[in-house]
């Protein structure tokens, strides 16, 4: 299970689609470290860098990645809403 509520992911998807980048950045910055890690892992699963069965590996990679600020990294990704939706679908979750 993810360390971030699916409703929060759904709100972020909407923010990214609506171009509310500042709100998106603030929302991501307000998450705890585990939730930010899971959000990055979810995006990576959604972009097919990892399979759904590799969630633990995606989390480990997200923790070790040289990403200084997850909010900057994710909010600059133009396909973030698609990646998050695909990641949720791969994990069998509904936003």
PDB file of N, CA and C in Angstrom:
ATOM      1  N   UNK A   1       0.834  -1.180   0.000  1.00  0.00           N
ATOM      2  CA  UNK A   1       0.000   0.000   0.000  1.00  0.00           C
ATOM      3  C   UNK A   1       0.886   1.254   0.000  1.00  0.00           C
ATOM      4  N   UNK A   2       0.345   2.303  -0.547  1.00  0.00           N
ATOM      5  CA  UNK A   2       1.099   3.558  -0.626  1.00  0.00           C
ATOM      6  C   UNK A   2       1.029   4.346   0.678  1.00  0.00           C
ATOM      7  N   UNK A   3       2.041   5.159   0.904  1.00  0.00           N
ATOM      8  CA  UNK A   3       2.093   6.039   2.068  1.00  0.00           C
ATOM      9  C   UNK A   3       1.501   7.403   1.754  1.00  0.00           C
ATOM     10  N   UNK A   4       0.659   7.455   0.737  1.00  0.00           N
ATOM     11  CA  UNK A   4      -0.005   8.687   0.340  1.00  0.00           C
ATOM     12  C   UNK A   4      -1.445   8.333  -0.031  1.00  0.00           C
ATOM     13  N   UNK A   5      -2.415   9.055   0.507  1.00  0.00           N
ATOM     14  CA  UNK A   5      -3.806   8.736   0.189  1.00  0.00           C
ATOM     15  C   UNK A   5      -4.096   8.915  -1.308  1.00  0.00           C
ATOM     16  N   UNK A   6      -4.900   8.016  -1.838  1.00  0.00           N
ATOM     17  CA  UNK A   6      -5.227   8.100  -3.260  1.00  0.00           C
ATOM     18  C   UNK A   6      -5.968   9.400  -3.584  1.00  0.00           C
ATOM     19  N   UNK A   7      -6.730   9.928  -2.636  1.00  0.00           N
ATOM     20  CA  UNK A   7      -7.425  11.204  -2.868  1.00  0.00           C
ATOM     21  C   UNK A   7      -6.425  12.345  -3.029  1.00  0.00           C
ATOM     22  N   UNK A   8      -5.318  12.273  -2.319  1.00  0.00           N
ATOM     23  CA  UNK A   8      -4.274  13.291  -2.462  1.00  0.00           C
ATOM     24  C   UNK A   8      -3.639  13.195  -3.843  1.00  0.00           C
ATOM     25  N   UNK A   9      -3.395  11.980  -4.299  1.00  0.00           N
ATOM     26  CA  UNK A   9      -2.846  11.792  -5.642  1.00  0.00           C
ATOM     27  C   UNK A   9      -3.823  12.339  -6.675  1.00  0.00           C
ATOM     28  N   UNK A  10      -5.109  12.070  -6.494  1.00  0.00           N
ATOM     29  CA  UNK A  10      -6.122  12.568  -7.431  1.00  0.00           C
ATOM     30  C   UNK A  10      -6.121  14.096  -7.470  1.00  0.00           C
ATOM     31  N   UNK A  11      -5.984  14.731  -6.322  1.00  0.00           N
ATOM     32  CA  UNK A  11      -5.919  16.206  -6.293  1.00  0.00           C
ATOM     33  C   UNK A  11      -4.687  16.705  -7.030  1.00  0.00           C
ATOM     34  N   UNK A  12      -3.573  16.015  -6.866  1.00  0.00           N
ATOM     35  CA  UNK A  12      -2.348  16.420  -7.566  1.00  0.00           C
ATOM     36  C   UNK A  12      -2.488  16.248  -9.071  1.00  0.00           C
ATOM     37  N   UNK A  13      -3.144  15.196  -9.487  1.00  0.00           N
ATOM     38  CA  UNK A  13      -3.392  14.985 -10.916  1.00  0.00           C
ATOM     39  C   UNK A  13      -4.193  16.164 -11.458  1.00  0.00           C
ATOM     40  N   UNK A  14      -5.244  16.552 -10.738  1.00  0.00           N
ATOM     41  CA  UNK A  14      -6.061  17.695 -11.163  1.00  0.00           C
ATOM     42  C   UNK A  14      -5.249  18.984 -11.198  1.00  0.00           C
ATOM     43  N   UNK A  15      -4.451  19.222 -10.178  1.00  0.00           N
ATOM     44  CA  UNK A  15      -3.615  20.431 -10.141  1.00  0.00           C
ATOM     45  C   UNK A  15      -2.673  20.479 -11.335  1.00  0.00           C
ATOM     46  N   UNK A  16      -2.041  19.342 -11.631  1.00  0.00           N
ATOM     47  CA  UNK A  16      -1.095  19.289 -12.747  1.00  0.00           C
ATOM     48  C   UNK A  16      -1.814  19.530 -14.076  1.00  0.00           C
ATOM     49  N   UNK A  17      -2.993  18.977 -14.215  1.00  0.00           N
ATOM     50  CA  UNK A  17      -3.767  19.166 -15.455  1.00  0.00           C
ATOM     51  C   UNK A  17      -4.245  20.605 -15.597  1.00  0.00           C
ATOM     52  N   UNK A  18      -4.565  21.230 -14.466  1.00  0.00           N
ATOM     53  CA  UNK A  18      -5.088  22.604 -14.481  1.00  0.00           C
ATOM     54  C   UNK A  18      -3.991  23.653 -14.556  1.00  0.00           C
ATOM     55  N   UNK A  19      -2.739  23.217 -14.543  1.00  0.00           N
ATOM     56  CA  UNK A  19      -1.627  24.163 -14.598  1.00  0.00           C
ATOM     57  C   UNK A  19      -1.380  24.891 -13.288  1.00  0.00           C
ATOM     58  N   UNK A  20      -1.854  24.329 -12.190  1.00  0.00           N
ATOM     59  CA  UNK A  20      -1.691  24.940 -10.863  1.00  0.00           C
ATOM     60  C   UNK A  20      -0.359  24.482 -10.261  1.00  0.00           C
ATOM     61  N   UNK A  21       0.736  24.813 -10.936  1.00  0.00           N
ATOM     62  CA  UNK A  21       2.051  24.323 -10.547  1.00  0.00           C
ATOM     63  C   UNK A  21       2.464  24.781  -9.146  1.00  0.00           C
ATOM     64  N   UNK A  22       2.153  26.011  -8.767  1.00  0.00           N
ATOM     65  CA  UNK A  22       2.523  26.476  -7.429  1.00  0.00           C
ATOM     66  C   UNK A  22       1.794  25.686  -6.354  1.00  0.00           C
ATOM     67  N   UNK A  23       0.504  25.457  -6.551  1.00  0.00           N
ATOM     68  CA  UNK A  23      -0.264  24.661  -5.587  1.00  0.00           C
ATOM     69  C   UNK A  23       0.251  23.229  -5.547  1.00  0.00           C
ATOM     70  N   UNK A  24       0.584  22.691  -6.716  1.00  0.00           N
ATOM     71  CA  UNK A  24       1.122  21.335  -6.789  1.00  0.00           C
ATOM     72  C   UNK A  24       2.438  21.243  -6.026  1.00  0.00           C
ATOM     73  N   UNK A  25       3.332  22.190  -6.267  1.00  0.00           N
ATOM     74  CA  UNK A  25       4.624  22.192  -5.569  1.00  0.00           C
ATOM     75  C   UNK A  25       4.417  22.264  -4.058  1.00  0.00           C
ATOM     76  N   UNK A  26       3.525  23.155  -3.616  1.00  0.00           N
ATOM     77  CA  UNK A  26       3.272  23.318  -2.182  1.00  0.00           C
ATOM     78  C   UNK A  26       2.683  22.050  -1.575  1.00  0.00           C
ATOM     79  N   UNK A  27       1.801  21.403  -2.308  1.00  0.00           N
ATOM     80  CA  UNK A  27       1.187  20.169  -1.811  1.00  0.00           C
ATOM     81  C   UNK A  27       2.240  19.069  -1.670  1.00  0.00           C
ATOM     82  N   UNK A  28       3.086  18.928  -2.669  1.00  0.00           N
ATOM     83  CA  UNK A  28       4.145  17.913  -2.604  1.00  0.00           C
ATOM     84  C   UNK A  28       5.126  18.238  -1.476  1.00  0.00           C
ATOM     85  N   UNK A  29       5.494  19.503  -1.358  1.00  0.00           N
ATOM     86  CA  UNK A  29       6.430  19.915  -0.299  1.00  0.00           C
ATOM     87  C   UNK A  29       5.855  19.649   1.092  1.00  0.00           C
ATOM     88  N   UNK A  30       4.529  19.678   1.218  1.00  0.00           N
ATOM     89  CA  UNK A  30       3.892  19.452   2.505  1.00  0.00           C
ATOM     90  C   UNK A  30       3.772  17.994   2.907  1.00  0.00           C
ATOM     91  N   UNK A  31       4.106  17.091   1.995  1.00  0.00           N
ATOM     92  CA  UNK A  31       4.052  15.663   2.308  1.00  0.00           C
ATOM     93  C   UNK A  31       5.251  15.250   3.147  1.00  0.00           C
ATOM     94  N   UNK A  32       5.083  14.189   3.906  1.00  0.00           N
ATOM     95  CA  UNK A  32       6.242  13.663   4.632  1.00  0.00           C
ATOM     96  C   UNK A  32       7.139  12.900   3.660  1.00  0.00           C
ATOM     97  N   UNK A  33       8.322  12.550   4.113  1.00  0.00           N
ATOM     98  CA  UNK A  33       9.328  11.935   3.241  1.00  0.00           C
ATOM     99  C   UNK A  33       8.840  10.627   2.625  1.00  0.00           C
ATOM    100  N   UNK A  34       8.128   9.803   3.388  1.00  0.00           N
ATOM    101  CA  UNK A  34       7.634   8.533   2.857  1.00  0.00           C
ATOM    102  C   UNK A  34       6.607   8.754   1.750  1.00  0.00           C
ATOM    103  N   UNK A  35       5.739   9.731   1.931  1.00  0.00           N
ATOM    104  CA  UNK A  35       4.729  10.026   0.913  1.00  0.00           C
ATOM    105  C   UNK A  35       5.383  10.576  -0.350  1.00  0.00           C
ATOM    106  N   UNK A  36       6.391  11.441  -0.195  1.00  0.00           N
ATOM    107  CA  UNK A  36       7.100  11.974  -1.372  1.00  0.00           C
ATOM    108  C   UNK A  36       7.822  10.844  -2.114  1.00  0.00           C
ATOM    109  N   UNK A  37       8.435   9.946  -1.370  1.00  0.00           N
ATOM    110  CA  UNK A  37       9.096   8.791  -1.983  1.00  0.00           C
ATOM    111  C   UNK A  37       8.102   7.968  -2.779  1.00  0.00           C
ATOM    112  N   UNK A  38       6.948   7.697  -2.197  1.00  0.00           N
ATOM    113  CA  UNK A  38       5.938   6.909  -2.884  1.00  0.00           C
ATOM    114  C   UNK A  38       5.398   7.638  -4.107  1.00  0.00           C
ATOM    115  N   UNK A  39       5.293   8.934  -4.044  1.00  0.00           N
ATOM    116  CA  UNK A  39       4.805   9.698  -5.188  1.00  0.00           C
ATOM    117  C   UNK A  39       5.779   9.593  -6.363  1.00  0.00           C
ATOM    118  N   UNK A  40       7.063   9.707  -6.075  1.00  0.00           N
ATOM    119  CA  UNK A  40       8.078   9.548  -7.121  1.00  0.00           C
ATOM    120  C   UNK A  40       8.036   8.120  -7.664  1.00  0.00           C
ATOM    121  N   UNK A  41       7.969   7.134  -6.783  1.00  0.00           N
ATOM    122  CA  UNK A  41       7.905   5.731  -7.213  1.00  0.00           C
ATOM    123  C   UNK A  41       6.668   5.490  -8.067  1.00  0.00           C
ATOM    124  N   UNK A  42       5.547   6.071  -7.682  1.00  0.00           N
ATOM    125  CA  UNK A  42       4.310   5.923  -8.440  1.00  0.00           C
ATOM    126  C   UNK A  42       4.461   6.504  -9.847  1.00  0.00           C
ATOM    127  N   UNK A  43       5.062   7.671  -9.940  1.00  0.00           N
ATOM    128  CA  UNK A  43       5.297   8.284 -11.254  1.00  0.00           C
ATOM    129  C   UNK A  43       6.217   7.406 -12.096  1.00  0.00           C
ATOM    130  N   UNK A  44       7.231   6.828 -11.490  1.00  0.00           N
ATOM    131  CA  UNK A  44       8.165   5.974 -12.226  1.00  0.00           C
ATOM    132  C   UNK A  44       7.485   4.692 -12.707  1.00  0.00           C
ATOM    133  N   UNK A  45       6.589   4.161 -11.897  1.00  0.00           N
ATOM    134  CA  UNK A  45       5.823   2.992 -12.341  1.00  0.00           C
ATOM    135  C   UNK A  45       4.927   3.402 -13.507  1.00  0.00           C
ATOM    136  N   UNK A  46       4.330   4.559 -13.407  1.00  0.00           N
ATOM    137  CA  UNK A  46       3.454   5.048 -14.466  1.00  0.00           C
ATOM    138  C   UNK A  46       4.161   5.333 -15.771  1.00  0.00           C
ATOM    139  N   UNK A  47       5.435   5.658 -15.710  1.00  0.00           N
ATOM    140  CA  UNK A  47       6.183   5.907 -16.955  1.00  0.00           C
ATOM    141  C   UNK A  47       6.916   4.648 -17.430  1.00  0.00           C
ATOM    142  N   UNK A  48       6.637   3.532 -16.783  1.00  0.00           N
ATOM    143  CA  UNK A  48       7.171   2.215 -17.152  1.00  0.00           C
ATOM    144  C   UNK A  48       8.649   2.034 -16.845  1.00  0.00           C
ATOM    145  N   UNK A  49       9.165   2.795 -15.899  1.00  0.00           N
ATOM    146  CA  UNK A  49      10.539   2.557 -15.452  1.00  0.00           C
ATOM    147  C   UNK A  49      10.598   1.345 -14.526  1.00  0.00           C
ATOM    148  N   UNK A  50       9.478   1.061 -13.877  1.00  0.00           N
ATOM    149  CA  UNK A  50       9.337  -0.097 -12.989  1.00  0.00           C
ATOM    150  C   UNK A  50       7.974  -0.715 -13.243  1.00  0.00           C
ATOM    151  N   UNK A  51       7.859  -1.993 -12.968  1.00  0.00           N
ATOM    152  CA  UNK A  51       6.572  -2.681 -13.012  1.00  0.00           C
ATOM    153  C   UNK A  51       5.887  -2.501 -11.656  1.00  0.00           C
ATOM    154  N   UNK A  52       4.590  -2.703 -11.634  1.00  0.00           N
ATOM    155  CA  UNK A  52       3.836  -2.574 -10.386  1.00  0.00           C
ATOM    156  C   UNK A  52       4.386  -3.502  -9.302  1.00  0.00           C
ATOM    157  N   UNK A  53       4.833  -4.701  -9.722  1.00  0.00           N
ATOM    158  CA  UNK A  53       5.372  -5.671  -8.760  1.00  0.00           C
ATOM    159  C   UNK A  53       6.703  -5.214  -8.178  1.00  0.00           C
ATOM    160  N   UNK A  54       7.272  -4.185  -8.746  1.00  0.00           N
ATOM    161  CA  UNK A  54       8.573  -3.678  -8.300  1.00  0.00           C
ATOM    162  C   UNK A  54       8.437  -2.408  -7.461  1.00  0.00           C
ATOM    163  N   UNK A  55       7.300  -2.243  -6.805  1.00  0.00           N
ATOM    164  CA  UNK A  55       7.066  -1.041  -5.997  1.00  0.00           C
ATOM    165  C   UNK A  55       8.171  -0.834  -4.968  1.00  0.00           C
ATOM    166  N   UNK A  56       8.577  -1.898  -4.291  1.00  0.00           N
ATOM    167  CA  UNK A  56       9.638  -1.742  -3.283  1.00  0.00           C
ATOM    168  C   UNK A  56      10.949  -1.287  -3.917  1.00  0.00           C
ATOM    169  N   UNK A  57      11.263  -1.817  -5.092  1.00  0.00           N
ATOM    170  CA  UNK A  57      12.476  -1.402  -5.801  1.00  0.00           C
ATOM    171  C   UNK A  57      12.367   0.050  -6.254  1.00  0.00           C
ATOM    172  N   UNK A  58      11.180   0.449  -6.717  1.00  0.00           N
ATOM    173  CA  UNK A  58      10.958   1.842  -7.131  1.00  0.00           C
ATOM    174  C   UNK A  58      11.111   2.782  -5.943  1.00  0.00           C
ATOM    175  N   UNK A  59      10.605   2.364  -4.793  1.00  0.00           N
ATOM    176  CA  UNK A  59      10.768   3.180  -3.573  1.00  0.00           C
ATOM    177  C   UNK A  59      12.243   3.319  -3.218  1.00  0.00           C
ATOM    178  N   UNK A  60      12.960   2.210  -3.262  1.00  0.00           N
ATOM    179  CA  UNK A  60      14.383   2.239  -2.935  1.00  0.00           C
ATOM    180  C   UNK A  60      15.139   3.163  -3.884  1.00  0.00           C
ATOM    181  N   UNK A  61      14.833   3.060  -5.166  1.00  0.00           N
ATOM    182  CA  UNK A  61      15.481   3.918  -6.161  1.00  0.00           C
ATOM    183  C   UNK A  61      15.125   5.381  -5.928  1.00  0.00           C
ATOM    184  N   UNK A  62      13.884   5.650  -5.560  1.00  0.00           N
ATOM    185  CA  UNK A  62      13.460   7.030  -5.299  1.00  0.00           C
ATOM    186  C   UNK A  62      14.192   7.608  -4.092  1.00  0.00           C
ATOM    187  N   UNK A  63      14.410   6.775  -3.076  1.00  0.00           N
ATOM    188  CA  UNK A  63      15.147   7.248  -1.892  1.00  0.00           C
ATOM    189  C   UNK A  63      16.610   7.553  -2.226  1.00  0.00           C
ATOM    190  N   UNK A  64      17.176   6.797  -3.163  1.00  0.00           N
ATOM    191  CA  UNK A  64      18.591   6.937  -3.488  1.00  0.00           C
ATOM    192  C   UNK A  64      18.857   7.911  -4.637  1.00  0.00           C
ATOM    193  N   UNK A  65      17.805   8.303  -5.340  1.00  0.00           N
ATOM    194  CA  UNK A  65      17.974   9.175  -6.510  1.00  0.00           C
ATOM    195  C   UNK A  65      18.478  10.553  -6.084  1.00  0.00           C
ATOM    196  N   UNK A  66      19.276  11.159  -6.936  1.00  0.00           N
ATOM    197  CA  UNK A  66      19.787  12.500  -6.613  1.00  0.00           C
ATOM    198  C   UNK A  66      18.744  13.583  -6.880  1.00  0.00           C
ATOM    199  N   UNK A  67      17.576  13.402  -6.267  1.00  0.00           N
ATOM    200  CA  UNK A  67      16.492  14.381  -6.412  1.00  0.00           C
ATOM    201  C   UNK A  67      16.507  15.245  -5.166  1.00  0.00           C
ATOM    202  N   UNK A  68      16.977  16.456  -5.307  1.00  0.00           N
ATOM    203  CA  UNK A  68      17.073  17.346  -4.151  1.00  0.00           C
ATOM    204  C   UNK A  68      15.698  17.688  -3.595  1.00  0.00           C
ATOM    205  N   UNK A  69      14.808  18.054  -4.462  1.00  0.00           N
ATOM    206  CA  UNK A  69      13.471  18.450  -4.031  1.00  0.00           C
ATOM    207  C   UNK A  69      12.435  17.766  -4.919  1.00  0.00           C
ATOM    208  N   UNK A  70      11.693  16.838  -4.349  1.00  0.00           N
ATOM    209  CA  UNK A  70      10.692  16.099  -5.128  1.00  0.00           C
ATOM    210  C   UNK A  70       9.664  17.036  -5.737  1.00  0.00           C
ATOM    211  N   UNK A  71       9.321  18.103  -5.017  1.00  0.00           N
ATOM    212  CA  UNK A  71       8.300  19.001  -5.543  1.00  0.00           C
ATOM    213  C   UNK A  71       8.757  19.684  -6.829  1.00  0.00           C
ATOM    214  N   UNK A  72      10.041  20.031  -6.914  1.00  0.00           N
ATOM    215  CA  UNK A  72      10.550  20.636  -8.148  1.00  0.00           C
ATOM    216  C   UNK A  72      10.630  19.596  -9.255  1.00  0.00           C
ATOM    217  N   UNK A  73      11.168  18.454  -8.930  1.00  0.00           N
ATOM    218  CA  UNK A  73      11.330  17.364  -9.906  1.00  0.00           C
ATOM    219  C   UNK A  73       9.986  16.981 -10.524  1.00  0.00           C
ATOM    220  N   UNK A  74       8.989  16.747  -9.692  1.00  0.00           N
ATOM    221  CA  UNK A  74       7.704  16.272 -10.190  1.00  0.00           C
ATOM    222  C   UNK A  74       6.890  17.381 -10.855  1.00  0.00           C
ATOM    223  N   UNK A  75       6.896  18.567 -10.291  1.00  0.00           N
ATOM    224  CA  UNK A  75       6.051  19.629 -10.848  1.00  0.00           C
ATOM    225  C   UNK A  75       6.535  20.099 -12.216  1.00  0.00           C
ATOM    226  N   UNK A  76       7.790  19.810 -12.547  1.00  0.00           N
ATOM    227  CA  UNK A  76       8.314  20.181 -13.866  1.00  0.00           C
ATOM    228  C   UNK A  76       8.050  19.125 -14.936  1.00  0.00           C
ATOM    229  N   UNK A  77       7.531  17.983 -14.540  1.00  0.00           N
ATOM    230  CA  UNK A  77       7.268  16.900 -15.490  1.00  0.00           C
ATOM    231  C   UNK A  77       5.923  17.145 -16.179  1.00  0.00           C
ATOM    232  N   UNK A  78       5.938  17.457 -17.473  1.00  0.00           N
ATOM    233  CA  UNK A  78       4.681  17.773 -18.161  1.00  0.00           C
ATOM    234  C   UNK A  78       3.701  16.601 -18.241  1.00  0.00           C
ATOM    235  N   UNK A  79       4.201  15.384 -18.168  1.00  0.00           N
ATOM    236  CA  UNK A  79       3.321  14.214 -18.259  1.00  0.00           C
ATOM    237  C   UNK A  79       2.994  13.628 -16.887  1.00  0.00           C
ATOM    238  N   UNK A  80       3.252  14.384 -15.833  1.00  0.00           N
ATOM    239  CA  UNK A  80       3.021  13.891 -14.474  1.00  0.00           C
ATOM    240  C   UNK A  80       1.606  13.346 -14.269  1.00  0.00           C
ATOM    241  N   UNK A  81       0.553  14.052 -14.680  1.00  0.00           N
ATOM    242  CA  UNK A  81      -0.776  13.481 -14.423  1.00  0.00           C
ATOM    243  C   UNK A  81      -0.983  12.126 -15.107  1.00  0.00           C
ATOM    244  N   UNK A  82      -0.462  11.991 -16.310  1.00  0.00           N
ATOM    245  CA  UNK A  82      -0.571  10.707 -17.011  1.00  0.00           C
ATOM    246  C   UNK A  82       0.214   9.618 -16.290  1.00  0.00           C
ATOM    247  N   UNK A  83       1.424   9.956 -15.837  1.00  0.00           N
ATOM    248  CA  UNK A  83       2.254   8.981 -15.130  1.00  0.00           C
ATOM    249  C   UNK A  83       1.599   8.548 -13.821  1.00  0.00           C
ATOM    250  N   UNK A  84       1.047   9.512 -13.070  1.00  0.00           N
ATOM    251  CA  UNK A  84       0.413   9.171 -11.801  1.00  0.00           C
ATOM    252  C   UNK A  84      -0.825   8.304 -12.027  1.00  0.00           C
ATOM    253  N   UNK A  85      -1.628   8.654 -13.016  1.00  0.00           N
ATOM    254  CA  UNK A  85      -2.805   7.832 -13.318  1.00  0.00           C
ATOM    255  C   UNK A  85      -2.404   6.419 -13.738  1.00  0.00           C
ATOM    256  N   UNK A  86      -1.407   6.313 -14.598  1.00  0.00           N
ATOM    257  CA  UNK A  86      -0.956   5.000 -15.056  1.00  0.00           C
ATOM    258  C   UNK A  86      -0.370   4.197 -13.897  1.00  0.00           C
ATOM    259  N   UNK A  87       0.360   4.860 -13.006  1.00  0.00           N
ATOM    260  CA  UNK A  87       0.905   4.187 -11.838  1.00  0.00           C
ATOM    261  C   UNK A  87      -0.181   3.658 -10.920  1.00  0.00           C
ATOM    262  N   UNK A  88      -1.203   4.484 -10.700  1.00  0.00           N
ATOM    263  CA  UNK A  88      -2.324   4.054  -9.860  1.00  0.00           C
ATOM    264  C   UNK A  88      -3.025   2.851 -10.496  1.00  0.00           C
ATOM    265  N   UNK A  89      -3.255   2.933 -11.799  1.00  0.00           N
ATOM    266  CA  UNK A  89      -3.910   1.831 -12.498  1.00  0.00           C
ATOM    267  C   UNK A  89      -3.076   0.555 -12.410  1.00  0.00           C
ATOM    268  N   UNK A  90      -1.763   0.677 -12.605  1.00  0.00           N
ATOM    269  CA  UNK A  90      -0.884  -0.495 -12.539  1.00  0.00           C
ATOM    270  C   UNK A  90      -0.935  -1.163 -11.170  1.00  0.00           C
ATOM    271  N   UNK A  91      -1.108  -0.355 -10.134  1.00  0.00           N
ATOM    272  CA  UNK A  91      -1.171  -0.892  -8.768  1.00  0.00           C
ATOM    273  C   UNK A  91      -2.586  -1.311  -8.370  1.00  0.00           C
ATOM    274  N   UNK A  92      -3.527  -1.134  -9.289  1.00  0.00           N
ATOM    275  CA  UNK A  92      -4.901  -1.515  -9.008  1.00  0.00           C
ATOM    276  C   UNK A  92      -5.612  -0.565  -8.066  1.00  0.00           C
ATOM    277  N   UNK A  93      -5.178   0.689  -8.052  1.00  0.00           N
ATOM    278  CA  UNK A  93      -5.765   1.699  -7.164  1.00  0.00           C
ATOM    279  C   UNK A  93      -6.592   2.680  -7.984  1.00  0.00           C
ATOM    280  N   UNK A  94      -7.581   3.249  -7.360  1.00  0.00           N
ATOM    281  CA  UNK A  94      -8.420   4.273  -7.987  1.00  0.00           C
ATOM    282  C   UNK A  94      -8.213   5.581  -7.238  1.00  0.00           C
ATOM    283  N   UNK A  95      -7.946   6.650  -7.977  1.00  0.00           N
ATOM    284  CA  UNK A  95      -7.821   7.956  -7.301  1.00  0.00           C
ATOM    285  C   UNK A  95      -9.170   8.465  -6.847  1.00  0.00           C
TER     286      UNK A  95
END
